[in-house]
Amino acid sequence: MLADVFDFLPLAIGIGRGTDLLQPLAISVMGGLTLRTVMSLWLAPVLYAAWTGKRPRTRD
């Protein structure tokens, strides 16, 4: 995911020819990839734990 975001970085910054047209697309794709990662790695486990009532094990 991080590689994909960095791949779109030159377009989002506006480096190169023809980036005026693709700049909004690059910014939205980067935002979507970042949001998807946050949701799948942090939000989904929290919601699952809240829904099932399971707590992570702690050492005594």
PDB file of N, CA and C in Angstrom:
ATOM      1  N   MET A   1       0.813  -1.179   0.000  1.00  0.00           N
ATOM      2  CA  MET A   1       0.000   0.000   0.000  1.00  0.00           C
ATOM      3  C   MET A   1       0.859   1.246   0.000  1.00  0.00           C
ATOM      4  N   LEU A   2       1.901   1.245   0.800  1.00  0.00           N
ATOM      5  CA  LEU A   2       2.761   2.415   0.879  1.00  0.00           C
ATOM      6  C   LEU A   2       3.450   2.678  -0.452  1.00  0.00           C
ATOM      7  N   ALA A   3       3.811   1.615  -1.146  1.00  0.00           N
ATOM      8  CA  ALA A   3       4.426   1.784  -2.466  1.00  0.00           C
ATOM      9  C   ALA A   3       3.443   2.403  -3.453  1.00  0.00           C
ATOM     10  N   ASP A   4       2.192   2.025  -3.367  1.00  0.00           N
ATOM     11  CA  ASP A   4       1.176   2.608  -4.251  1.00  0.00           C
ATOM     12  C   ASP A   4       0.999   4.095  -3.989  1.00  0.00           C
ATOM     13  N   VAL A   5       0.995   4.467  -2.719  1.00  0.00           N
ATOM     14  CA  VAL A   5       0.851   5.884  -2.371  1.00  0.00           C
ATOM     15  C   VAL A   5       2.044   6.672  -2.901  1.00  0.00           C
ATOM     16  N   PHE A   6       3.243   6.124  -2.738  1.00  0.00           N
ATOM     17  CA  PHE A   6       4.433   6.815  -3.248  1.00  0.00           C
ATOM     18  C   PHE A   6       4.476   6.842  -4.766  1.00  0.00           C
ATOM     19  N   ASP A   7       3.867   5.870  -5.419  1.00  0.00           N
ATOM     20  CA  ASP A   7       3.794   5.895  -6.880  1.00  0.00           C
ATOM     21  C   ASP A   7       2.947   7.058  -7.387  1.00  0.00           C
ATOM     22  N   PHE A   8       1.909   7.400  -6.654  1.00  0.00           N
ATOM     23  CA  PHE A   8       1.030   8.493  -7.060  1.00  0.00           C
ATOM     24  C   PHE A   8       1.525   9.862  -6.593  1.00  0.00           C
ATOM     25  N   LEU A   9       2.568   9.899  -5.791  1.00  0.00           N
ATOM     26  CA  LEU A   9       3.051  11.152  -5.238  1.00  0.00           C
ATOM     27  C   LEU A   9       3.498  12.168  -6.293  1.00  0.00           C
ATOM     28  N   PRO A  10       4.249  11.789  -7.327  1.00  0.00           N
ATOM     29  CA  PRO A  10       4.614  12.779  -8.352  1.00  0.00           C
ATOM     30  C   PRO A  10       3.401  13.381  -9.061  1.00  0.00           C
ATOM     31  N   LEU A  11       2.386  12.582  -9.292  1.00  0.00           N
ATOM     32  CA  LEU A  11       1.169  13.120  -9.906  1.00  0.00           C
ATOM     33  C   LEU A  11       0.449  14.075  -8.960  1.00  0.00           C
ATOM     34  N   ALA A  12       0.400  13.718  -7.687  1.00  0.00           N
ATOM     35  CA  ALA A  12      -0.300  14.564  -6.724  1.00  0.00           C
ATOM     36  C   ALA A  12       0.415  15.894  -6.520  1.00  0.00           C
ATOM     37  N   ILE A  13       1.736  15.870  -6.566  1.00  0.00           N
ATOM     38  CA  ILE A  13       2.501  17.105  -6.417  1.00  0.00           C
ATOM     39  C   ILE A  13       2.429  17.944  -7.689  1.00  0.00           C
ATOM     40  N   GLY A  14       2.341  17.289  -8.830  1.00  0.00           N
ATOM     41  CA  GLY A  14       2.249  18.011 -10.096  1.00  0.00           C
ATOM     42  C   GLY A  14       3.551  18.033 -10.859  1.00  0.00           C
ATOM     43  N   ILE A  15       4.378  17.022 -10.687  1.00  0.00           N
ATOM     44  CA  ILE A  15       5.657  16.938 -11.391  1.00  0.00           C
ATOM     45  C   ILE A  15       5.441  16.272 -12.735  1.00  0.00           C
ATOM     46  N   GLY A  16       5.871  16.904 -13.804  1.00  0.00           N
ATOM     47  CA  GLY A  16       5.798  16.321 -15.134  1.00  0.00           C
ATOM     48  C   GLY A  16       4.720  16.941 -15.996  1.00  0.00           C
ATOM     49  N   ARG A  17       4.694  16.475 -17.239  1.00  0.00           N
ATOM     50  CA  ARG A  17       3.720  16.979 -18.206  1.00  0.00           C
ATOM     51  C   ARG A  17       2.359  16.334 -18.005  1.00  0.00           C
ATOM     52  N   GLY A  18       1.329  17.106 -18.197  1.00  0.00           N
ATOM     53  CA  GLY A  18      -0.024  16.571 -18.177  1.00  0.00           C
ATOM     54  C   GLY A  18      -0.561  16.219 -16.813  1.00  0.00           C
ATOM     55  N   THR A  19       0.102  16.661 -15.775  1.00  0.00           N
ATOM     56  CA  THR A  19      -0.363  16.303 -14.432  1.00  0.00           C
ATOM     57  C   THR A  19      -1.537  17.154 -13.978  1.00  0.00           C
ATOM     58  N   ASP A  20      -1.819  18.244 -14.685  1.00  0.00           N
ATOM     59  CA  ASP A  20      -2.953  19.087 -14.297  1.00  0.00           C
ATOM     60  C   ASP A  20      -4.266  18.310 -14.346  1.00  0.00           C
ATOM     61  N   LEU A  21      -4.371  17.444 -15.317  1.00  0.00           N
ATOM     62  CA  LEU A  21      -5.599  16.666 -15.478  1.00  0.00           C
ATOM     63  C   LEU A  21      -5.670  15.505 -14.488  1.00  0.00           C
ATOM     64  N   LEU A  22      -4.520  14.897 -14.184  1.00  0.00           N
ATOM     65  CA  LEU A  22      -4.513  13.703 -13.340  1.00  0.00           C
ATOM     66  C   LEU A  22      -4.288  13.987 -11.861  1.00  0.00           C
ATOM     67  N   GLN A  23      -3.985  15.216 -11.504  1.00  0.00           N
ATOM     68  CA  GLN A  23      -3.704  15.545 -10.112  1.00  0.00           C
ATOM     69  C   GLN A  23      -4.875  15.252  -9.173  1.00  0.00           C
ATOM     70  N   PRO A  24      -6.107  15.637  -9.482  1.00  0.00           N
ATOM     71  CA  PRO A  24      -7.218  15.297  -8.576  1.00  0.00           C
ATOM     72  C   PRO A  24      -7.430  13.784  -8.428  1.00  0.00           C
ATOM     73  N   LEU A  25      -7.221  13.049  -9.510  1.00  0.00           N
ATOM     74  CA  LEU A  25      -7.356  11.595  -9.448  1.00  0.00           C
ATOM     75  C   LEU A  25      -6.303  10.996  -8.529  1.00  0.00           C
ATOM     76  N   ALA A  26      -5.068  11.445  -8.647  1.00  0.00           N
ATOM     77  CA  ALA A  26      -3.991  10.917  -7.815  1.00  0.00           C
ATOM     78  C   ALA A  26      -4.242  11.209  -6.340  1.00  0.00           C
ATOM     79  N   ILE A  27      -4.720  12.396  -6.040  1.00  0.00           N
ATOM     80  CA  ILE A  27      -4.989  12.755  -4.646  1.00  0.00           C
ATOM     81  C   ILE A  27      -6.114  11.895  -4.081  1.00  0.00           C
ATOM     82  N   SER A  28      -7.152  11.670  -4.850  1.00  0.00           N
ATOM     83  CA  SER A  28      -8.259  10.859  -4.345  1.00  0.00           C
ATOM     84  C   SER A  28      -7.874   9.392  -4.195  1.00  0.00           C
ATOM     85  N   VAL A  29      -7.048   8.884  -5.098  1.00  0.00           N
ATOM     86  CA  VAL A  29      -6.592   7.490  -4.979  1.00  0.00           C
ATOM     87  C   VAL A  29      -5.702   7.335  -3.751  1.00  0.00           C
ATOM     88  N   MET A  30      -4.811   8.296  -3.533  1.00  0.00           N
ATOM     89  CA  MET A  30      -3.952   8.229  -2.347  1.00  0.00           C
ATOM     90  C   MET A  30      -4.778   8.287  -1.065  1.00  0.00           C
ATOM     91  N   GLY A  31      -5.776   9.137  -1.029  1.00  0.00           N
ATOM     92  CA  GLY A  31      -6.639   9.207   0.142  1.00  0.00           C
ATOM     93  C   GLY A  31      -7.430   7.929   0.361  1.00  0.00           C
ATOM     94  N   GLY A  32      -7.916   7.345  -0.716  1.00  0.00           N
ATOM     95  CA  GLY A  32      -8.666   6.095  -0.602  1.00  0.00           C
ATOM     96  C   GLY A  32      -7.814   4.946  -0.122  1.00  0.00           C
ATOM     97  N   LEU A  33      -6.592   4.846  -0.625  1.00  0.00           N
ATOM     98  CA  LEU A  33      -5.702   3.778  -0.178  1.00  0.00           C
ATOM     99  C   LEU A  33      -5.343   3.936   1.296  1.00  0.00           C
ATOM    100  N   THR A  34      -5.102   5.171   1.712  1.00  0.00           N
ATOM    101  CA  THR A  34      -4.763   5.416   3.108  1.00  0.00           C
ATOM    102  C   THR A  34      -5.950   5.119   4.021  1.00  0.00           C
ATOM    103  N   LEU A  35      -7.123   5.564   3.626  1.00  0.00           N
ATOM    104  CA  LEU A  35      -8.315   5.319   4.430  1.00  0.00           C
ATOM    105  C   LEU A  35      -8.647   3.829   4.507  1.00  0.00           C
ATOM    106  N   ARG A  36      -8.483   3.130   3.399  1.00  0.00           N
ATOM    107  CA  ARG A  36      -8.748   1.689   3.396  1.00  0.00           C
ATOM    108  C   ARG A  36      -7.812   0.958   4.346  1.00  0.00           C
ATOM    109  N   THR A  37      -6.552   1.355   4.361  1.00  0.00           N
ATOM    110  CA  THR A  37      -5.587   0.712   5.243  1.00  0.00           C
ATOM    111  C   THR A  37      -5.920   0.976   6.704  1.00  0.00           C
ATOM    112  N   VAL A  38      -6.251   2.209   7.020  1.00  0.00           N
ATOM    113  CA  VAL A  38      -6.604   2.545   8.406  1.00  0.00           C
ATOM    114  C   VAL A  38      -7.832   1.763   8.838  1.00  0.00           C
ATOM    115  N   MET A  39      -8.814   1.690   7.983  1.00  0.00           N
ATOM    116  CA  MET A  39     -10.042   0.988   8.343  1.00  0.00           C
ATOM    117  C   MET A  39      -9.820  -0.509   8.503  1.00  0.00           C
ATOM    118  N   SER A  40      -9.027  -1.107   7.620  1.00  0.00           N
ATOM    119  CA  SER A  40      -8.847  -2.558   7.698  1.00  0.00           C
ATOM    120  C   SER A  40      -7.912  -2.976   8.817  1.00  0.00           C
ATOM    121  N   LEU A  41      -6.941  -2.135   9.173  1.00  0.00           N
ATOM    122  CA  LEU A  41      -5.994  -2.524  10.216  1.00  0.00           C
ATOM    123  C   LEU A  41      -6.412  -2.092  11.612  1.00  0.00           C
ATOM    124  N   TRP A  42      -7.143  -1.002  11.735  1.00  0.00           N
ATOM    125  CA  TRP A  42      -7.496  -0.503  13.062  1.00  0.00           C
ATOM    126  C   TRP A  42      -8.977  -0.571  13.353  1.00  0.00           C
ATOM    127  N   LEU A  43      -9.788  -0.110  12.455  1.00  0.00           N
ATOM    128  CA  LEU A  43     -11.211  -0.017  12.742  1.00  0.00           C
ATOM    129  C   LEU A  43     -11.898  -1.383  12.744  1.00  0.00           C
ATOM    130  N   ALA A  44     -11.561  -2.246  11.820  1.00  0.00           N
ATOM    131  CA  ALA A  44     -12.208  -3.557  11.749  1.00  0.00           C
ATOM    132  C   ALA A  44     -11.955  -4.405  13.006  1.00  0.00           C
ATOM    133  N   PRO A  45     -10.722  -4.505  13.511  1.00  0.00           N
ATOM    134  CA  PRO A  45     -10.533  -5.280  14.749  1.00  0.00           C
ATOM    135  C   PRO A  45     -11.247  -4.673  15.959  1.00  0.00           C
ATOM    136  N   VAL A  46     -11.288  -3.349  16.031  1.00  0.00           N
ATOM    137  CA  VAL A  46     -11.971  -2.710  17.157  1.00  0.00           C
ATOM    138  C   VAL A  46     -13.468  -2.996  17.102  1.00  0.00           C
ATOM    139  N   LEU A  47     -14.049  -2.875  15.923  1.00  0.00           N
ATOM    140  CA  LEU A  47     -15.475  -3.167  15.785  1.00  0.00           C
ATOM    141  C   LEU A  47     -15.775  -4.634  16.042  1.00  0.00           C
ATOM    142  N   TYR A  48     -14.905  -5.525  15.597  1.00  0.00           N
ATOM    143  CA  TYR A  48     -15.096  -6.957  15.841  1.00  0.00           C
ATOM    144  C   TYR A  48     -15.046  -7.265  17.333  1.00  0.00           C
ATOM    145  N   ALA A  49     -14.075  -6.690  18.016  1.00  0.00           N
ATOM    146  CA  ALA A  49     -13.960  -6.930  19.459  1.00  0.00           C
ATOM    147  C   ALA A  49     -15.168  -6.367  20.197  1.00  0.00           C
ATOM    148  N   ALA A  50     -15.653  -5.210  19.769  1.00  0.00           N
ATOM    149  CA  ALA A  50     -16.822  -4.623  20.424  1.00  0.00           C
ATOM    150  C   ALA A  50     -18.070  -5.442  20.149  1.00  0.00           C
ATOM    151  N   TRP A  51     -18.189  -5.979  18.964  1.00  0.00           N
ATOM    152  CA  TRP A  51     -19.380  -6.736  18.599  1.00  0.00           C
ATOM    153  C   TRP A  51     -19.419  -8.095  19.282  1.00  0.00           C
ATOM    154  N   THR A  52     -18.288  -8.781  19.322  1.00  0.00           N
ATOM    155  CA  THR A  52     -18.267 -10.127  19.901  1.00  0.00           C
ATOM    156  C   THR A  52     -18.037 -10.102  21.404  1.00  0.00           C
ATOM    157  N   GLY A  53     -17.557  -8.998  21.938  1.00  0.00           N
ATOM    158  CA  GLY A  53     -17.303  -8.912  23.372  1.00  0.00           C
ATOM    159  C   GLY A  53     -15.997  -9.565  23.791  1.00  0.00           C
ATOM    160  N   LYS A  54     -15.150  -9.940  22.840  1.00  0.00           N
ATOM    161  CA  LYS A  54     -13.878 -10.557  23.168  1.00  0.00           C
ATOM    162  C   LYS A  54     -12.852  -9.482  23.485  1.00  0.00           C
ATOM    163  N   ARG A  55     -12.072  -9.759  24.499  1.00  0.00           N
ATOM    164  CA  ARG A  55     -10.996  -8.857  24.904  1.00  0.00           C
ATOM    165  C   ARG A  55      -9.664  -9.537  24.618  1.00  0.00           C
ATOM    166  N   PRO A  56      -8.642  -8.785  24.299  1.00  0.00           N
ATOM    167  CA  PRO A  56      -7.340  -9.415  24.106  1.00  0.00           C
ATOM    168  C   PRO A  56      -6.803  -9.978  25.409  1.00  0.00           C
ATOM    169  N   ARG A  57      -6.071 -11.050  25.316  1.00  0.00           N
ATOM    170  CA  ARG A  57      -5.498 -11.668  26.513  1.00  0.00           C
ATOM    171  C   ARG A  57      -4.384 -10.787  27.057  1.00  0.00           C
ATOM    172  N   THR A  58      -4.344 -10.707  28.380  1.00  0.00           N
ATOM    173  CA  THR A  58      -3.270  -9.973  29.048  1.00  0.00           C
ATOM    174  C   THR A  58      -2.514 -10.923  29.932  1.00  0.00           C
ATOM    175  N   ARG A  59      -1.252 -10.646  30.079  1.00  0.00           N
ATOM    176  CA  ARG A  59      -0.436 -11.477  30.966  1.00  0.00           C
ATOM    177  C   ARG A  59      -0.652 -11.055  32.411  1.00  0.00           C
ATOM    178  N   ASP A  60      -0.701 -12.045  33.280  1.00  0.00           N
ATOM    179  CA  ASP A  60      -0.897 -11.752  34.708  1.00  0.00           C
ATOM    180  C   ASP A  60       0.420 -11.542  35.383  1.00  0.00           C
TER     181      ASP A  60
END
